[in-house]
Amino acid sequence: MIRHTVMFRWKPEATEEDRQQVATEVAKLPSMVPAIRAFASGRDAGLAEANFDFAVTADFDDEAGFFAYRDDHGHRDIISRYIVPLAAQRVAVQFEF
């Protein structure tokens, strides 16, 4: 299994409406990409300072599943339309478990 985790820090000008739109669009991914086996996303709960603002975790059977997700047209569209304009910083990791 491959787990993909990505976190975003939003630009200061990102509005509450913008942030909600990202959450709504990202939540569509499991129904759009068949390779996703498990999925979770959400805003930081505010329990510690200096955390990122939003995170996504997706699990795949194998590397091919991750690449199918990474390259999926709908996924790429969500990134370019909703995330790139708001993201000040992005970090990601993929690991086997």
PDB file of N, CA and C in Angstrom:
ATOM      1  N   MET A   1       0.843  -1.184   0.000  1.00  0.00           N
ATOM      2  CA  MET A   1       0.000   0.000   0.000  1.00  0.00           C
ATOM      3  C   MET A   1       0.883   1.240   0.000  1.00  0.00           C
ATOM      4  N   ILE A   2       0.414   2.248  -0.693  1.00  0.00           N
ATOM      5  CA  ILE A   2       1.074   3.554  -0.734  1.00  0.00           C
ATOM      6  C   ILE A   2       0.141   4.576  -0.093  1.00  0.00           C
ATOM      7  N   ARG A   3       0.682   5.348   0.824  1.00  0.00           N
ATOM      8  CA  ARG A   3      -0.083   6.455   1.421  1.00  0.00           C
ATOM      9  C   ARG A   3       0.529   7.771   0.930  1.00  0.00           C
ATOM     10  N   HIS A   4      -0.340   8.633   0.439  1.00  0.00           N
ATOM     11  CA  HIS A   4       0.030   9.975  -0.034  1.00  0.00           C
ATOM     12  C   HIS A   4      -0.555  10.978   0.951  1.00  0.00           C
ATOM     13  N   THR A   5       0.291  11.833   1.496  1.00  0.00           N
ATOM     14  CA  THR A   5      -0.176  12.884   2.392  1.00  0.00           C
ATOM     15  C   THR A   5       0.361  14.212   1.889  1.00  0.00           C
ATOM     16  N   VAL A   6      -0.524  15.175   1.775  1.00  0.00           N
ATOM     17  CA  VAL A   6      -0.142  16.513   1.316  1.00  0.00           C
ATOM     18  C   VAL A   6      -0.774  17.543   2.249  1.00  0.00           C
ATOM     19  N   MET A   7      -0.017  18.593   2.533  1.00  0.00           N
ATOM     20  CA  MET A   7      -0.513  19.658   3.407  1.00  0.00           C
ATOM     21  C   MET A   7      -0.292  21.001   2.730  1.00  0.00           C
ATOM     22  N   PHE A   8      -1.227  21.904   2.986  1.00  0.00           N
ATOM     23  CA  PHE A   8      -1.178  23.231   2.394  1.00  0.00           C
ATOM     24  C   PHE A   8      -1.246  24.304   3.463  1.00  0.00           C
ATOM     25  N   ARG A   9      -0.529  25.374   3.219  1.00  0.00           N
ATOM     26  CA  ARG A   9      -0.669  26.602   3.998  1.00  0.00           C
ATOM     27  C   ARG A   9      -1.226  27.629   3.020  1.00  0.00           C
ATOM     28  N   TRP A  10      -2.336  28.256   3.384  1.00  0.00           N
ATOM     29  CA  TRP A  10      -3.015  29.186   2.484  1.00  0.00           C
ATOM     30  C   TRP A  10      -2.389  30.574   2.520  1.00  0.00           C
ATOM     31  N   LYS A  11      -2.517  31.284   1.436  1.00  0.00           N
ATOM     32  CA  LYS A  11      -2.108  32.687   1.366  1.00  0.00           C
ATOM     33  C   LYS A  11      -3.006  33.500   2.299  1.00  0.00           C
ATOM     34  N   PRO A  12      -2.505  34.597   2.826  1.00  0.00           N
ATOM     35  CA  PRO A  12      -3.315  35.419   3.730  1.00  0.00           C
ATOM     36  C   PRO A  12      -4.615  35.916   3.101  1.00  0.00           C
ATOM     37  N   GLU A  13      -4.619  36.117   1.809  1.00  0.00           N
ATOM     38  CA  GLU A  13      -5.820  36.643   1.152  1.00  0.00           C
ATOM     39  C   GLU A  13      -6.887  35.573   0.876  1.00  0.00           C
ATOM     40  N   ALA A  14      -6.609  34.312   1.183  1.00  0.00           N
ATOM     41  CA  ALA A  14      -7.611  33.252   0.992  1.00  0.00           C
ATOM     42  C   ALA A  14      -8.785  33.502   1.932  1.00  0.00           C
ATOM     43  N   THR A  15      -9.967  33.612   1.361  1.00  0.00           N
ATOM     44  CA  THR A  15     -11.160  33.891   2.163  1.00  0.00           C
ATOM     45  C   THR A  15     -11.733  32.600   2.740  1.00  0.00           C
ATOM     46  N   GLU A  16     -12.643  32.746   3.659  1.00  0.00           N
ATOM     47  CA  GLU A  16     -13.342  31.585   4.214  1.00  0.00           C
ATOM     48  C   GLU A  16     -14.081  30.838   3.105  1.00  0.00           C
ATOM     49  N   GLU A  17     -14.676  31.578   2.197  1.00  0.00           N
ATOM     50  CA  GLU A  17     -15.378  30.955   1.061  1.00  0.00           C
ATOM     51  C   GLU A  17     -14.405  30.160   0.189  1.00  0.00           C
ATOM     52  N   ASP A  18     -13.229  30.722  -0.077  1.00  0.00           N
ATOM     53  CA  ASP A  18     -12.197  30.013  -0.851  1.00  0.00           C
ATOM     54  C   ASP A  18     -11.813  28.701  -0.179  1.00  0.00           C
ATOM     55  N   ARG A  19     -11.591  28.758   1.121  1.00  0.00           N
ATOM     56  CA  ARG A  19     -11.166  27.575   1.876  1.00  0.00           C
ATOM     57  C   ARG A  19     -12.242  26.498   1.865  1.00  0.00           C
ATOM     58  N   GLN A  20     -13.475  26.916   1.988  1.00  0.00           N
ATOM     59  CA  GLN A  20     -14.589  25.964   1.961  1.00  0.00           C
ATOM     60  C   GLN A  20     -14.723  25.330   0.582  1.00  0.00           C
ATOM     61  N   GLN A  21     -14.500  26.125  -0.456  1.00  0.00           N
ATOM     62  CA  GLN A  21     -14.575  25.604  -1.826  1.00  0.00           C
ATOM     63  C   GLN A  21     -13.519  24.523  -2.040  1.00  0.00           C
ATOM     64  N   VAL A  22     -12.311  24.747  -1.546  1.00  0.00           N
ATOM     65  CA  VAL A  22     -11.264  23.726  -1.656  1.00  0.00           C
ATOM     66  C   VAL A  22     -11.722  22.449  -0.966  1.00  0.00           C
ATOM     67  N   ALA A  23     -12.216  22.561   0.250  1.00  0.00           N
ATOM     68  CA  ALA A  23     -12.658  21.377   0.995  1.00  0.00           C
ATOM     69  C   ALA A  23     -13.748  20.629   0.239  1.00  0.00           C
ATOM     70  N   THR A  24     -14.683  21.362  -0.331  1.00  0.00           N
ATOM     71  CA  THR A  24     -15.784  20.752  -1.090  1.00  0.00           C
ATOM     72  C   THR A  24     -15.270  20.033  -2.326  1.00  0.00           C
ATOM     73  N   GLU A  25     -14.393  20.668  -3.060  1.00  0.00           N
ATOM     74  CA  GLU A  25     -13.870  20.073  -4.296  1.00  0.00           C
ATOM     75  C   GLU A  25     -12.994  18.862  -4.003  1.00  0.00           C
ATOM     76  N   VAL A  26     -12.128  18.969  -3.017  1.00  0.00           N
ATOM     77  CA  VAL A  26     -11.239  17.860  -2.672  1.00  0.00           C
ATOM     78  C   VAL A  26     -12.037  16.646  -2.201  1.00  0.00           C
ATOM     79  N   ALA A  27     -13.132  16.875  -1.502  1.00  0.00           N
ATOM     80  CA  ALA A  27     -13.966  15.768  -1.013  1.00  0.00           C
ATOM     81  C   ALA A  27     -14.581  14.951  -2.149  1.00  0.00           C
ATOM     82  N   LYS A  28     -14.594  15.466  -3.348  1.00  0.00           N
ATOM     83  CA  LYS A  28     -15.123  14.752  -4.521  1.00  0.00           C
ATOM     84  C   LYS A  28     -14.143  13.707  -5.060  1.00  0.00           C
ATOM     85  N   LEU A  29     -12.884  13.803  -4.689  1.00  0.00           N
ATOM     86  CA  LEU A  29     -11.861  12.943  -5.286  1.00  0.00           C
ATOM     87  C   LEU A  29     -12.126  11.444  -5.153  1.00  0.00           C
ATOM     88  N   PRO A  30     -12.563  10.932  -4.006  1.00  0.00           N
ATOM     89  CA  PRO A  30     -12.779   9.480  -3.929  1.00  0.00           C
ATOM     90  C   PRO A  30     -13.810   8.949  -4.935  1.00  0.00           C
ATOM     91  N   SER A  31     -14.778   9.757  -5.287  1.00  0.00           N
ATOM     92  CA  SER A  31     -15.766   9.303  -6.270  1.00  0.00           C
ATOM     93  C   SER A  31     -15.278   9.502  -7.706  1.00  0.00           C
ATOM     94  N   MET A  32     -14.216  10.265  -7.878  1.00  0.00           N
ATOM     95  CA  MET A  32     -13.690  10.554  -9.211  1.00  0.00           C
ATOM     96  C   MET A  32     -12.555   9.616  -9.623  1.00  0.00           C
ATOM     97  N   VAL A  33     -11.804   9.131  -8.645  1.00  0.00           N
ATOM     98  CA  VAL A  33     -10.583   8.371  -8.937  1.00  0.00           C
ATOM     99  C   VAL A  33     -10.709   6.962  -8.358  1.00  0.00           C
ATOM    100  N   PRO A  34     -10.958   5.974  -9.207  1.00  0.00           N
ATOM    101  CA  PRO A  34     -11.167   4.605  -8.719  1.00  0.00           C
ATOM    102  C   PRO A  34      -9.990   4.004  -7.960  1.00  0.00           C
ATOM    103  N   ALA A  35      -8.782   4.493  -8.191  1.00  0.00           N
ATOM    104  CA  ALA A  35      -7.597   3.920  -7.541  1.00  0.00           C
ATOM    105  C   ALA A  35      -7.523   4.234  -6.048  1.00  0.00           C
ATOM    106  N   ILE A  36      -8.290   5.206  -5.572  1.00  0.00           N
ATOM    107  CA  ILE A  36      -8.245   5.571  -4.159  1.00  0.00           C
ATOM    108  C   ILE A  36      -8.916   4.477  -3.332  1.00  0.00           C
ATOM    109  N   ARG A  37      -8.194   3.947  -2.333  1.00  0.00           N
ATOM    110  CA  ARG A  37      -8.722   2.902  -1.448  1.00  0.00           C
ATOM    111  C   ARG A  37      -9.234   3.470  -0.130  1.00  0.00           C
ATOM    112  N   ALA A  38      -8.603   4.530   0.347  1.00  0.00           N
ATOM    113  CA  ALA A  38      -9.040   5.221   1.568  1.00  0.00           C
ATOM    114  C   ALA A  38      -8.673   6.685   1.388  1.00  0.00           C
ATOM    115  N   PHE A  39      -9.455   7.555   2.012  1.00  0.00           N
ATOM    116  CA  PHE A  39      -9.272   8.983   1.787  1.00  0.00           C
ATOM    117  C   PHE A  39      -9.762   9.771   2.992  1.00  0.00           C
ATOM    118  N   ALA A  40      -9.011  10.793   3.349  1.00  0.00           N
ATOM    119  CA  ALA A  40      -9.443  11.731   4.390  1.00  0.00           C
ATOM    120  C   ALA A  40      -8.864  13.094   4.046  1.00  0.00           C
ATOM    121  N   SER A  41      -9.628  14.132   4.337  1.00  0.00           N
ATOM    122  CA  SER A  41      -9.137  15.490   4.136  1.00  0.00           C
ATOM    123  C   SER A  41      -9.805  16.394   5.154  1.00  0.00           C
ATOM    124  N   GLY A  42      -9.139  17.491   5.463  1.00  0.00           N
ATOM    125  CA  GLY A  42      -9.761  18.428   6.381  1.00  0.00           C
ATOM    126  C   GLY A  42      -8.852  19.557   6.786  1.00  0.00           C
ATOM    127  N   ARG A  43      -9.485  20.511   7.439  1.00  0.00           N
ATOM    128  CA  ARG A  43      -8.786  21.677   7.969  1.00  0.00           C
ATOM    129  C   ARG A  43      -8.057  21.317   9.256  1.00  0.00           C
ATOM    130  N   ASP A  44      -7.024  22.067   9.514  1.00  0.00           N
ATOM    131  CA  ASP A  44      -6.312  21.897  10.779  1.00  0.00           C
ATOM    132  C   ASP A  44      -7.264  22.159  11.935  1.00  0.00           C
ATOM    133  N   ALA A  45      -7.191  21.351  12.955  1.00  0.00           N
ATOM    134  CA  ALA A  45      -8.075  21.472  14.123  1.00  0.00           C
ATOM    135  C   ALA A  45      -7.638  22.581  15.078  1.00  0.00           C
ATOM    136  N   GLY A  46      -6.498  23.198  14.817  1.00  0.00           N
ATOM    137  CA  GLY A  46      -6.057  24.304  15.643  1.00  0.00           C
ATOM    138  C   GLY A  46      -5.507  23.914  17.001  1.00  0.00           C
ATOM    139  N   LEU A  47      -4.988  22.703  17.116  1.00  0.00           N
ATOM    140  CA  LEU A  47      -4.505  22.211  18.405  1.00  0.00           C
ATOM    141  C   LEU A  47      -3.052  22.563  18.689  1.00  0.00           C
ATOM    142  N   ALA A  48      -2.329  22.996  17.665  1.00  0.00           N
ATOM    143  CA  ALA A  48      -0.925  23.361  17.846  1.00  0.00           C
ATOM    144  C   ALA A  48      -0.591  24.518  16.910  1.00  0.00           C
ATOM    145  N   GLU A  49       0.272  25.397  17.383  1.00  0.00           N
ATOM    146  CA  GLU A  49       0.683  26.531  16.564  1.00  0.00           C
ATOM    147  C   GLU A  49       1.574  26.080  15.414  1.00  0.00           C
ATOM    148  N   ALA A  50       1.582  26.873  14.374  1.00  0.00           N
ATOM    149  CA  ALA A  50       2.455  26.691  13.205  1.00  0.00           C
ATOM    150  C   ALA A  50       2.084  25.495  12.335  1.00  0.00           C
ATOM    151  N   ASN A  51       0.930  24.886  12.558  1.00  0.00           N
ATOM    152  CA  ASN A  51       0.490  23.804  11.682  1.00  0.00           C
ATOM    153  C   ASN A  51       0.110  24.341  10.309  1.00  0.00           C
ATOM    154  N   PHE A  52       0.044  23.448   9.357  1.00  0.00           N
ATOM    155  CA  PHE A  52      -0.487  23.800   8.048  1.00  0.00           C
ATOM    156  C   PHE A  52      -1.997  23.941   8.167  1.00  0.00           C
ATOM    157  N   ASP A  53      -2.627  24.514   7.146  1.00  0.00           N
ATOM    158  CA  ASP A  53      -4.051  24.836   7.207  1.00  0.00           C
ATOM    159  C   ASP A  53      -4.978  23.702   6.777  1.00  0.00           C
ATOM    160  N   PHE A  54      -4.492  22.838   5.873  1.00  0.00           N
ATOM    161  CA  PHE A  54      -5.370  21.830   5.275  1.00  0.00           C
ATOM    162  C   PHE A  54      -4.530  20.624   4.891  1.00  0.00           C
ATOM    163  N   ALA A  55      -5.084  19.426   5.041  1.00  0.00           N
ATOM    164  CA  ALA A  55      -4.348  18.203   4.706  1.00  0.00           C
ATOM    165  C   ALA A  55      -5.245  17.225   3.954  1.00  0.00           C
ATOM    166  N   VAL A  56      -4.601  16.416   3.139  1.00  0.00           N
ATOM    167  CA  VAL A  56      -5.255  15.333   2.402  1.00  0.00           C
ATOM    168  C   VAL A  56      -4.399  14.090   2.565  1.00  0.00           C
ATOM    169  N   THR A  57      -5.052  12.958   2.832  1.00  0.00           N
ATOM    170  CA  THR A  57      -4.375  11.665   2.869  1.00  0.00           C
ATOM    171  C   THR A  57      -5.164  10.702   1.997  1.00  0.00           C
ATOM    172  N   ALA A  58      -4.461  10.024   1.102  1.00  0.00           N
ATOM    173  CA  ALA A  58      -5.105   9.044   0.224  1.00  0.00           C
ATOM    174  C   ALA A  58      -4.245   7.787   0.177  1.00  0.00           C
ATOM    175  N   ASP A  59      -4.895   6.629   0.210  1.00  0.00           N
ATOM    176  CA  ASP A  59      -4.211   5.340   0.159  1.00  0.00           C
ATOM    177  C   ASP A  59      -4.496   4.655  -1.173  1.00  0.00           C
ATOM    178  N   PHE A  60      -3.468   3.950  -1.670  1.00  0.00           N
ATOM    179  CA  PHE A  60      -3.547   3.257  -2.953  1.00  0.00           C
ATOM    180  C   PHE A  60      -2.956   1.865  -2.806  1.00  0.00           C
ATOM    181  N   ASP A  61      -3.413   0.936  -3.622  1.00  0.00           N
ATOM    182  CA  ASP A  61      -2.889  -0.427  -3.577  1.00  0.00           C
ATOM    183  C   ASP A  61      -1.401  -0.481  -3.886  1.00  0.00           C
ATOM    184  N   ASP A  62      -0.970   0.381  -4.816  1.00  0.00           N
ATOM    185  CA  ASP A  62       0.406   0.306  -5.288  1.00  0.00           C
ATOM    186  C   ASP A  62       0.801   1.619  -5.956  1.00  0.00           C
ATOM    187  N   GLU A  63       2.020   1.657  -6.459  1.00  0.00           N
ATOM    188  CA  GLU A  63       2.517   2.861  -7.129  1.00  0.00           C
ATOM    189  C   GLU A  63       1.670   3.218  -8.341  1.00  0.00           C
ATOM    190  N   ALA A  64       1.225   2.232  -9.070  1.00  0.00           N
ATOM    191  CA  ALA A  64       0.394   2.504 -10.254  1.00  0.00           C
ATOM    192  C   ALA A  64      -0.882   3.243  -9.859  1.00  0.00           C
ATOM    193  N   GLY A  65      -1.475   2.872  -8.744  1.00  0.00           N
ATOM    194  CA  GLY A  65      -2.666   3.560  -8.256  1.00  0.00           C
ATOM    195  C   GLY A  65      -2.372   5.003  -7.912  1.00  0.00           C
ATOM    196  N   PHE A  66      -1.230   5.241  -7.244  1.00  0.00           N
ATOM    197  CA  PHE A  66      -0.851   6.614  -6.936  1.00  0.00           C
ATOM    198  C   PHE A  66      -0.658   7.421  -8.206  1.00  0.00           C
ATOM    199  N   PHE A  67       0.048   6.868  -9.189  1.00  0.00           N
ATOM    200  CA  PHE A  67       0.290   7.598 -10.427  1.00  0.00           C
ATOM    201  C   PHE A  67      -1.011   7.861 -11.185  1.00  0.00           C
ATOM    202  N   ALA A  68      -1.939   6.923 -11.128  1.00  0.00           N
ATOM    203  CA  ALA A  68      -3.242   7.136 -11.765  1.00  0.00           C
ATOM    204  C   ALA A  68      -3.953   8.323 -11.118  1.00  0.00           C
ATOM    205  N   TYR A  69      -3.881   8.410  -9.800  1.00  0.00           N
ATOM    206  CA  TYR A  69      -4.460   9.540  -9.063  1.00  0.00           C
ATOM    207  C   TYR A  69      -3.727  10.832  -9.400  1.00  0.00           C
ATOM    208  N   ARG A  70      -2.417  10.789  -9.320  1.00  0.00           N
ATOM    209  CA  ARG A  70      -1.609  11.988  -9.574  1.00  0.00           C
ATOM    210  C   ARG A  70      -1.906  12.590 -10.938  1.00  0.00           C
ATOM    211  N   ASP A  71      -2.098  11.728 -11.933  1.00  0.00           N
ATOM    212  CA  ASP A  71      -2.263  12.181 -13.305  1.00  0.00           C
ATOM    213  C   ASP A  71      -3.718  12.319 -13.741  1.00  0.00           C
ATOM    214  N   ASP A  72      -4.653  11.982 -12.865  1.00  0.00           N
ATOM    215  CA  ASP A  72      -6.072  12.039 -13.206  1.00  0.00           C
ATOM    216  C   ASP A  72      -6.481  13.467 -13.597  1.00  0.00           C
ATOM    217  N   HIS A  73      -7.201  13.590 -14.703  1.00  0.00           N
ATOM    218  CA  HIS A  73      -7.592  14.910 -15.217  1.00  0.00           C
ATOM    219  C   HIS A  73      -8.435  15.692 -14.205  1.00  0.00           C
ATOM    220  N   GLY A  74      -9.396  15.049 -13.575  1.00  0.00           N
ATOM    221  CA  GLY A  74     -10.238  15.732 -12.593  1.00  0.00           C
ATOM    222  C   GLY A  74      -9.446  16.200 -11.390  1.00  0.00           C
ATOM    223  N   HIS A  75      -8.520  15.380 -10.927  1.00  0.00           N
ATOM    224  CA  HIS A  75      -7.640  15.747  -9.816  1.00  0.00           C
ATOM    225  C   HIS A  75      -6.781  16.947 -10.194  1.00  0.00           C
ATOM    226  N   ARG A  76      -6.179  16.899 -11.375  1.00  0.00           N
ATOM    227  CA  ARG A  76      -5.335  18.001 -11.849  1.00  0.00           C
ATOM    228  C   ARG A  76      -6.145  19.287 -11.975  1.00  0.00           C
ATOM    229  N   ASP A  77      -7.399  19.163 -12.405  1.00  0.00           N
ATOM    230  CA  ASP A  77      -8.266  20.328 -12.550  1.00  0.00           C
ATOM    231  C   ASP A  77      -8.556  20.971 -11.190  1.00  0.00           C
ATOM    232  N   ILE A  78      -8.846  20.165 -10.187  1.00  0.00           N
ATOM    233  CA  ILE A  78      -9.084  20.690  -8.836  1.00  0.00           C
ATOM    234  C   ILE A  78      -7.839  21.422  -8.331  1.00  0.00           C
ATOM    235  N   ILE A  79      -6.691  20.841  -8.554  1.00  0.00           N
ATOM    236  CA  ILE A  79      -5.449  21.483  -8.118  1.00  0.00           C
ATOM    237  C   ILE A  79      -5.274  22.838  -8.802  1.00  0.00           C
ATOM    238  N   SER A  80      -5.390  22.856 -10.114  1.00  0.00           N
ATOM    239  CA  SER A  80      -5.109  24.099 -10.835  1.00  0.00           C
ATOM    240  C   SER A  80      -6.164  25.178 -10.598  1.00  0.00           C
ATOM    241  N   ARG A  81      -7.428  24.782 -10.469  1.00  0.00           N
ATOM    242  CA  ARG A  81      -8.500  25.783 -10.320  1.00  0.00           C
ATOM    243  C   ARG A  81      -8.695  26.274  -8.898  1.00  0.00           C
ATOM    244  N   TYR A  82      -8.510  25.396  -7.914  1.00  0.00           N
ATOM    245  CA  TYR A  82      -8.889  25.748  -6.548  1.00  0.00           C
ATOM    246  C   TYR A  82      -7.722  25.830  -5.562  1.00  0.00           C
ATOM    247  N   ILE A  83      -6.694  25.025  -5.772  1.00  0.00           N
ATOM    248  CA  ILE A  83      -5.617  24.975  -4.789  1.00  0.00           C
ATOM    249  C   ILE A  83      -4.460  25.898  -5.150  1.00  0.00           C
ATOM    250  N   VAL A  84      -3.972  25.818  -6.367  1.00  0.00           N
ATOM    251  CA  VAL A  84      -2.817  26.634  -6.759  1.00  0.00           C
ATOM    252  C   VAL A  84      -3.034  28.124  -6.491  1.00  0.00           C
ATOM    253  N   PRO A  85      -4.201  28.683  -6.807  1.00  0.00           N
ATOM    254  CA  PRO A  85      -4.365  30.122  -6.542  1.00  0.00           C
ATOM    255  C   PRO A  85      -4.314  30.502  -5.059  1.00  0.00           C
ATOM    256  N   LEU A  86      -4.546  29.560  -4.162  1.00  0.00           N
ATOM    257  CA  LEU A  86      -4.609  29.861  -2.729  1.00  0.00           C
ATOM    258  C   LEU A  86      -3.393  29.417  -1.940  1.00  0.00           C
ATOM    259  N   ALA A  87      -2.636  28.477  -2.475  1.00  0.00           N
ATOM    260  CA  ALA A  87      -1.564  27.845  -1.702  1.00  0.00           C
ATOM    261  C   ALA A  87      -0.314  28.723  -1.631  1.00  0.00           C
ATOM    262  N   ALA A  88       0.084  29.026  -0.411  1.00  0.00           N
ATOM    263  CA  ALA A  88       1.349  29.713  -0.184  1.00  0.00           C
ATOM    264  C   ALA A  88       2.475  28.700  -0.045  1.00  0.00           C
ATOM    265  N   GLN A  89       2.123  27.514   0.455  1.00  0.00           N
ATOM    266  CA  GLN A  89       3.126  26.479   0.678  1.00  0.00           C
ATOM    267  C   GLN A  89       2.464  25.116   0.579  1.00  0.00           C
ATOM    268  N   ARG A  90       3.214  24.145   0.067  1.00  0.00           N
ATOM    269  CA  ARG A  90       2.748  22.771  -0.066  1.00  0.00           C
ATOM    270  C   ARG A  90       3.884  21.845   0.333  1.00  0.00           C
ATOM    271  N   VAL A  91       3.550  20.816   1.092  1.00  0.00           N
ATOM    272  CA  VAL A  91       4.495  19.736   1.376  1.00  0.00           C
ATOM    273  C   VAL A  91       3.755  18.424   1.170  1.00  0.00           C
ATOM    274  N   ALA A  92       4.493  17.418   0.717  1.00  0.00           N
ATOM    275  CA  ALA A  92       3.863  16.124   0.462  1.00  0.00           C
ATOM    276  C   ALA A  92       4.866  15.015   0.691  1.00  0.00           C
ATOM    277  N   VAL A  93       4.311  13.824   0.932  1.00  0.00           N
ATOM    278  CA  VAL A  93       5.119  12.627   1.074  1.00  0.00           C
ATOM    279  C   VAL A  93       4.270  11.430   0.625  1.00  0.00           C
ATOM    280  N   GLN A  94       4.948  10.451   0.039  1.00  0.00           N
ATOM    281  CA  GLN A  94       4.327   9.176  -0.276  1.00  0.00           C
ATOM    282  C   GLN A  94       5.178   8.114   0.406  1.00  0.00           C
ATOM    283  N   PHE A  95       4.517   7.187   1.085  1.00  0.00           N
ATOM    284  CA  PHE A  95       5.298   6.134   1.759  1.00  0.00           C
ATOM    285  C   PHE A  95       4.522   4.820   1.722  1.00  0.00           C
ATOM    286  N   GLU A  96       5.285   3.730   1.802  1.00  0.00           N
ATOM    287  CA  GLU A  96       4.684   2.399   1.841  1.00  0.00           C
ATOM    288  C   GLU A  96       4.316   2.049   3.273  1.00  0.00           C
ATOM    289  N   PHE A  97       3.208   1.348   3.415  1.00  0.00           N
ATOM    290  CA  PHE A  97       2.824   0.884   4.739  1.00  0.00           C
ATOM    291  C   PHE A  97       2.156  -0.470   4.617  1.00  0.00           C
TER     292      PHE A  97
END
